[in-house]
Amino acid sequence: MTRNVSENSLDSHVLSAEMQQQLFDAEQNFVVTVVEGPLFTALRQRDIYLIVTSVTFNRLGPGAIPGSIR
């Protein structure tokens, strides 16, 4: 047993509760959101996942969400 975290597991790439809330808020407010990161395919699964490394929210005018989160 080691304390190393496997990079080949979806459990290693969980979004924080704060990031989830910011993404939900951006969706409800029709904010253009750019999400960047590598694609991940877990072994023995057909799904492809995006590992979030940075997020940029783009809304002009009052009440704008701050530019980016990394």
N, C-alpha and C. Protein backbone atom coordinates (compact mmCIF):
# COMPACT_ATOMS: atom_id res chain seq x y z
N MET A 1 0.83 -1.18 0.00
CA MET A 1 0.00 0.00 0.00
C MET A 1 0.88 1.25 0.00
N THR A 2 0.50 2.17 -0.86
CA THR A 2 1.23 3.44 -0.90
C THR A 2 0.24 4.58 -0.76
N ARG A 3 0.75 5.74 -0.58
CA ARG A 3 -0.11 6.92 -0.48
C ARG A 3 -0.16 7.67 -1.80
N ASN A 4 0.36 7.08 -2.86
CA ASN A 4 0.33 7.71 -4.17
C ASN A 4 -1.09 7.68 -4.73
N VAL A 5 -1.46 8.76 -5.42
CA VAL A 5 -2.77 8.85 -6.05
C VAL A 5 -2.61 8.48 -7.52
N SER A 6 -3.42 7.56 -7.98
CA SER A 6 -3.33 7.13 -9.36
C SER A 6 -3.88 8.20 -10.29
N GLU A 7 -3.10 8.58 -11.30
CA GLU A 7 -3.55 9.55 -12.29
C GLU A 7 -4.54 8.91 -13.26
N ASN A 8 -4.63 7.59 -13.27
CA ASN A 8 -5.51 6.89 -14.19
C ASN A 8 -6.87 6.59 -13.59
N SER A 9 -7.26 7.34 -12.59
CA SER A 9 -8.54 7.14 -11.92
C SER A 9 -9.34 8.44 -11.97
N LEU A 10 -10.63 8.31 -12.21
CA LEU A 10 -11.50 9.50 -12.21
C LEU A 10 -11.57 10.13 -10.82
N ASP A 11 -11.34 9.33 -9.78
CA ASP A 11 -11.35 9.86 -8.42
C ASP A 11 -10.23 10.87 -8.17
N SER A 12 -9.22 10.86 -9.03
CA SER A 12 -8.09 11.78 -8.90
C SER A 12 -8.40 13.16 -9.47
N HIS A 13 -9.52 13.32 -10.15
CA HIS A 13 -9.79 14.55 -10.89
C HIS A 13 -11.18 15.10 -10.58
N VAL A 14 -11.55 15.15 -9.34
CA VAL A 14 -12.87 15.62 -8.92
C VAL A 14 -12.90 17.15 -8.88
N LEU A 15 -13.99 17.75 -9.39
CA LEU A 15 -14.15 19.21 -9.31
C LEU A 15 -14.51 19.60 -7.89
N SER A 16 -13.96 20.71 -7.44
CA SER A 16 -14.31 21.21 -6.11
C SER A 16 -15.75 21.70 -6.10
N ALA A 17 -16.33 21.75 -4.92
CA ALA A 17 -17.71 22.23 -4.79
C ALA A 17 -17.82 23.69 -5.26
N GLU A 18 -16.79 24.48 -5.00
CA GLU A 18 -16.78 25.89 -5.43
C GLU A 18 -16.80 25.98 -6.95
N MET A 19 -15.97 25.17 -7.62
CA MET A 19 -15.92 25.19 -9.09
C MET A 19 -17.24 24.71 -9.68
N GLN A 20 -17.83 23.68 -9.10
CA GLN A 20 -19.13 23.20 -9.58
C GLN A 20 -20.17 24.30 -9.49
N GLN A 21 -20.19 25.03 -8.37
CA GLN A 21 -21.17 26.10 -8.18
C GLN A 21 -20.94 27.22 -9.18
N GLN A 22 -19.69 27.58 -9.43
CA GLN A 22 -19.40 28.64 -10.40
C GLN A 22 -19.84 28.23 -11.80
N LEU A 23 -19.65 26.98 -12.17
CA LEU A 23 -20.10 26.50 -13.48
C LEU A 23 -21.62 26.51 -13.58
N PHE A 24 -22.30 26.08 -12.52
CA PHE A 24 -23.77 26.11 -12.52
C PHE A 24 -24.29 27.54 -12.61
N ASP A 25 -23.67 28.47 -11.87
CA ASP A 25 -24.08 29.88 -11.91
C ASP A 25 -23.88 30.45 -13.31
N ALA A 26 -22.75 30.13 -13.93
CA ALA A 26 -22.48 30.62 -15.28
C ALA A 26 -23.50 30.08 -16.27
N GLU A 27 -23.88 28.82 -16.12
CA GLU A 27 -24.88 28.23 -17.01
C GLU A 27 -26.23 28.94 -16.86
N GLN A 28 -26.65 29.18 -15.64
CA GLN A 28 -27.95 29.82 -15.41
C GLN A 28 -27.98 31.25 -15.90
N ASN A 29 -26.82 31.91 -15.91
CA ASN A 29 -26.76 33.31 -16.33
C ASN A 29 -26.30 33.46 -17.78
N PHE A 30 -26.26 32.34 -18.52
CA PHE A 30 -25.90 32.36 -19.94
C PHE A 30 -24.54 33.01 -20.19
N VAL A 31 -23.57 32.68 -19.34
CA VAL A 31 -22.22 33.21 -19.45
C VAL A 31 -21.41 32.28 -20.36
N VAL A 32 -20.68 32.86 -21.31
CA VAL A 32 -19.81 32.07 -22.16
C VAL A 32 -18.66 31.57 -21.29
N THR A 33 -18.46 30.26 -21.28
CA THR A 33 -17.45 29.65 -20.42
C THR A 33 -16.52 28.80 -21.27
N VAL A 34 -15.21 29.03 -21.11
CA VAL A 34 -14.21 28.24 -21.82
C VAL A 34 -13.52 27.36 -20.78
N VAL A 35 -13.60 26.04 -21.01
CA VAL A 35 -12.97 25.08 -20.11
C VAL A 35 -11.82 24.42 -20.86
N GLU A 36 -10.64 24.40 -20.25
CA GLU A 36 -9.47 23.83 -20.90
C GLU A 36 -8.90 22.69 -20.05
N GLY A 37 -8.33 21.70 -20.74
CA GLY A 37 -7.68 20.60 -20.06
C GLY A 37 -7.55 19.40 -20.96
N PRO A 38 -6.80 18.39 -20.51
CA PRO A 38 -6.61 17.20 -21.32
C PRO A 38 -7.84 16.29 -21.28
N LEU A 39 -8.00 15.48 -22.32
CA LEU A 39 -9.05 14.48 -22.34
C LEU A 39 -8.54 13.21 -21.67
N PHE A 40 -9.43 12.52 -20.98
CA PHE A 40 -9.07 11.32 -20.23
C PHE A 40 -10.03 10.20 -20.59
N THR A 41 -9.49 9.04 -20.89
CA THR A 41 -10.30 7.86 -21.12
C THR A 41 -9.86 6.81 -20.11
N ALA A 42 -10.77 6.46 -19.21
CA ALA A 42 -10.46 5.46 -18.20
C ALA A 42 -10.37 4.08 -18.84
N LEU A 43 -9.55 3.23 -18.28
CA LEU A 43 -9.43 1.88 -18.79
C LEU A 43 -10.78 1.17 -18.73
N ARG A 44 -11.10 0.43 -19.76
CA ARG A 44 -12.31 -0.38 -19.84
C ARG A 44 -13.60 0.45 -19.82
N GLN A 45 -13.50 1.71 -20.19
CA GLN A 45 -14.70 2.55 -20.30
C GLN A 45 -14.71 3.21 -21.66
N ARG A 46 -15.91 3.41 -22.19
CA ARG A 46 -16.03 4.04 -23.50
C ARG A 46 -16.11 5.55 -23.42
N ASP A 47 -16.39 6.08 -22.25
CA ASP A 47 -16.59 7.53 -22.10
C ASP A 47 -15.26 8.28 -22.13
N ILE A 48 -15.33 9.52 -22.58
CA ILE A 48 -14.18 10.41 -22.57
C ILE A 48 -14.53 11.57 -21.63
N TYR A 49 -13.60 11.92 -20.76
CA TYR A 49 -13.81 12.97 -19.78
C TYR A 49 -12.82 14.10 -20.01
N LEU A 50 -13.23 15.31 -19.69
CA LEU A 50 -12.34 16.47 -19.76
C LEU A 50 -11.85 16.76 -18.34
N ILE A 51 -10.55 16.75 -18.15
CA ILE A 51 -9.96 17.10 -16.85
C ILE A 51 -9.75 18.61 -16.86
N VAL A 52 -10.41 19.31 -15.99
CA VAL A 52 -10.40 20.77 -15.98
C VAL A 52 -9.09 21.28 -15.39
N THR A 53 -8.34 22.03 -16.20
CA THR A 53 -7.13 22.68 -15.70
C THR A 53 -7.31 24.19 -15.59
N SER A 54 -8.21 24.75 -16.40
CA SER A 54 -8.52 26.18 -16.27
C SER A 54 -9.92 26.45 -16.82
N VAL A 55 -10.53 27.48 -16.26
CA VAL A 55 -11.87 27.90 -16.67
C VAL A 55 -11.85 29.41 -16.83
N THR A 56 -12.43 29.90 -17.92
CA THR A 56 -12.55 31.34 -18.15
C THR A 56 -14.02 31.67 -18.36
N PHE A 57 -14.52 32.62 -17.58
CA PHE A 57 -15.90 33.08 -17.70
C PHE A 57 -15.89 34.42 -18.43
N ASN A 58 -16.72 34.56 -19.46
CA ASN A 58 -16.76 35.78 -20.26
C ASN A 58 -18.16 36.37 -20.27
N ARG A 59 -18.33 37.42 -19.50
CA ARG A 59 -19.58 38.16 -19.53
C ARG A 59 -19.25 39.63 -19.43
N LEU A 60 -19.82 40.41 -20.30
CA LEU A 60 -19.58 41.85 -20.29
C LEU A 60 -20.65 42.54 -19.48
N GLY A 61 -20.31 43.69 -18.95
CA GLY A 61 -21.30 44.50 -18.27
C GLY A 61 -21.32 44.30 -16.78
N PRO A 62 -22.33 44.91 -16.10
CA PRO A 62 -22.41 44.83 -14.65
C PRO A 62 -22.68 43.41 -14.19
N GLY A 63 -22.13 43.06 -13.04
CA GLY A 63 -22.34 41.74 -12.46
C GLY A 63 -21.51 40.66 -13.12
N ALA A 64 -20.45 41.06 -13.85
CA ALA A 64 -19.63 40.10 -14.57
C ALA A 64 -18.89 39.18 -13.60
N ILE A 65 -18.75 37.95 -13.99
CA ILE A 65 -17.99 36.99 -13.21
C ILE A 65 -16.52 37.27 -13.48
N PRO A 66 -15.66 37.20 -12.44
CA PRO A 66 -14.23 37.47 -12.66
C PRO A 66 -13.65 36.63 -13.78
N GLY A 67 -12.68 37.18 -14.49
CA GLY A 67 -12.09 36.61 -15.69
C GLY A 67 -11.75 35.15 -15.75
N SER A 68 -10.90 34.62 -14.88
CA SER A 68 -10.54 33.23 -15.02
C SER A 68 -10.12 32.64 -13.68
N ILE A 69 -10.19 31.33 -13.65
CA ILE A 69 -9.81 30.58 -12.47
C ILE A 69 -8.89 29.49 -12.93
N ARG A 70 -7.78 29.32 -12.31
CA ARG A 70 -6.83 28.25 -12.68
C ARG A 70 -6.52 27.40 -11.50
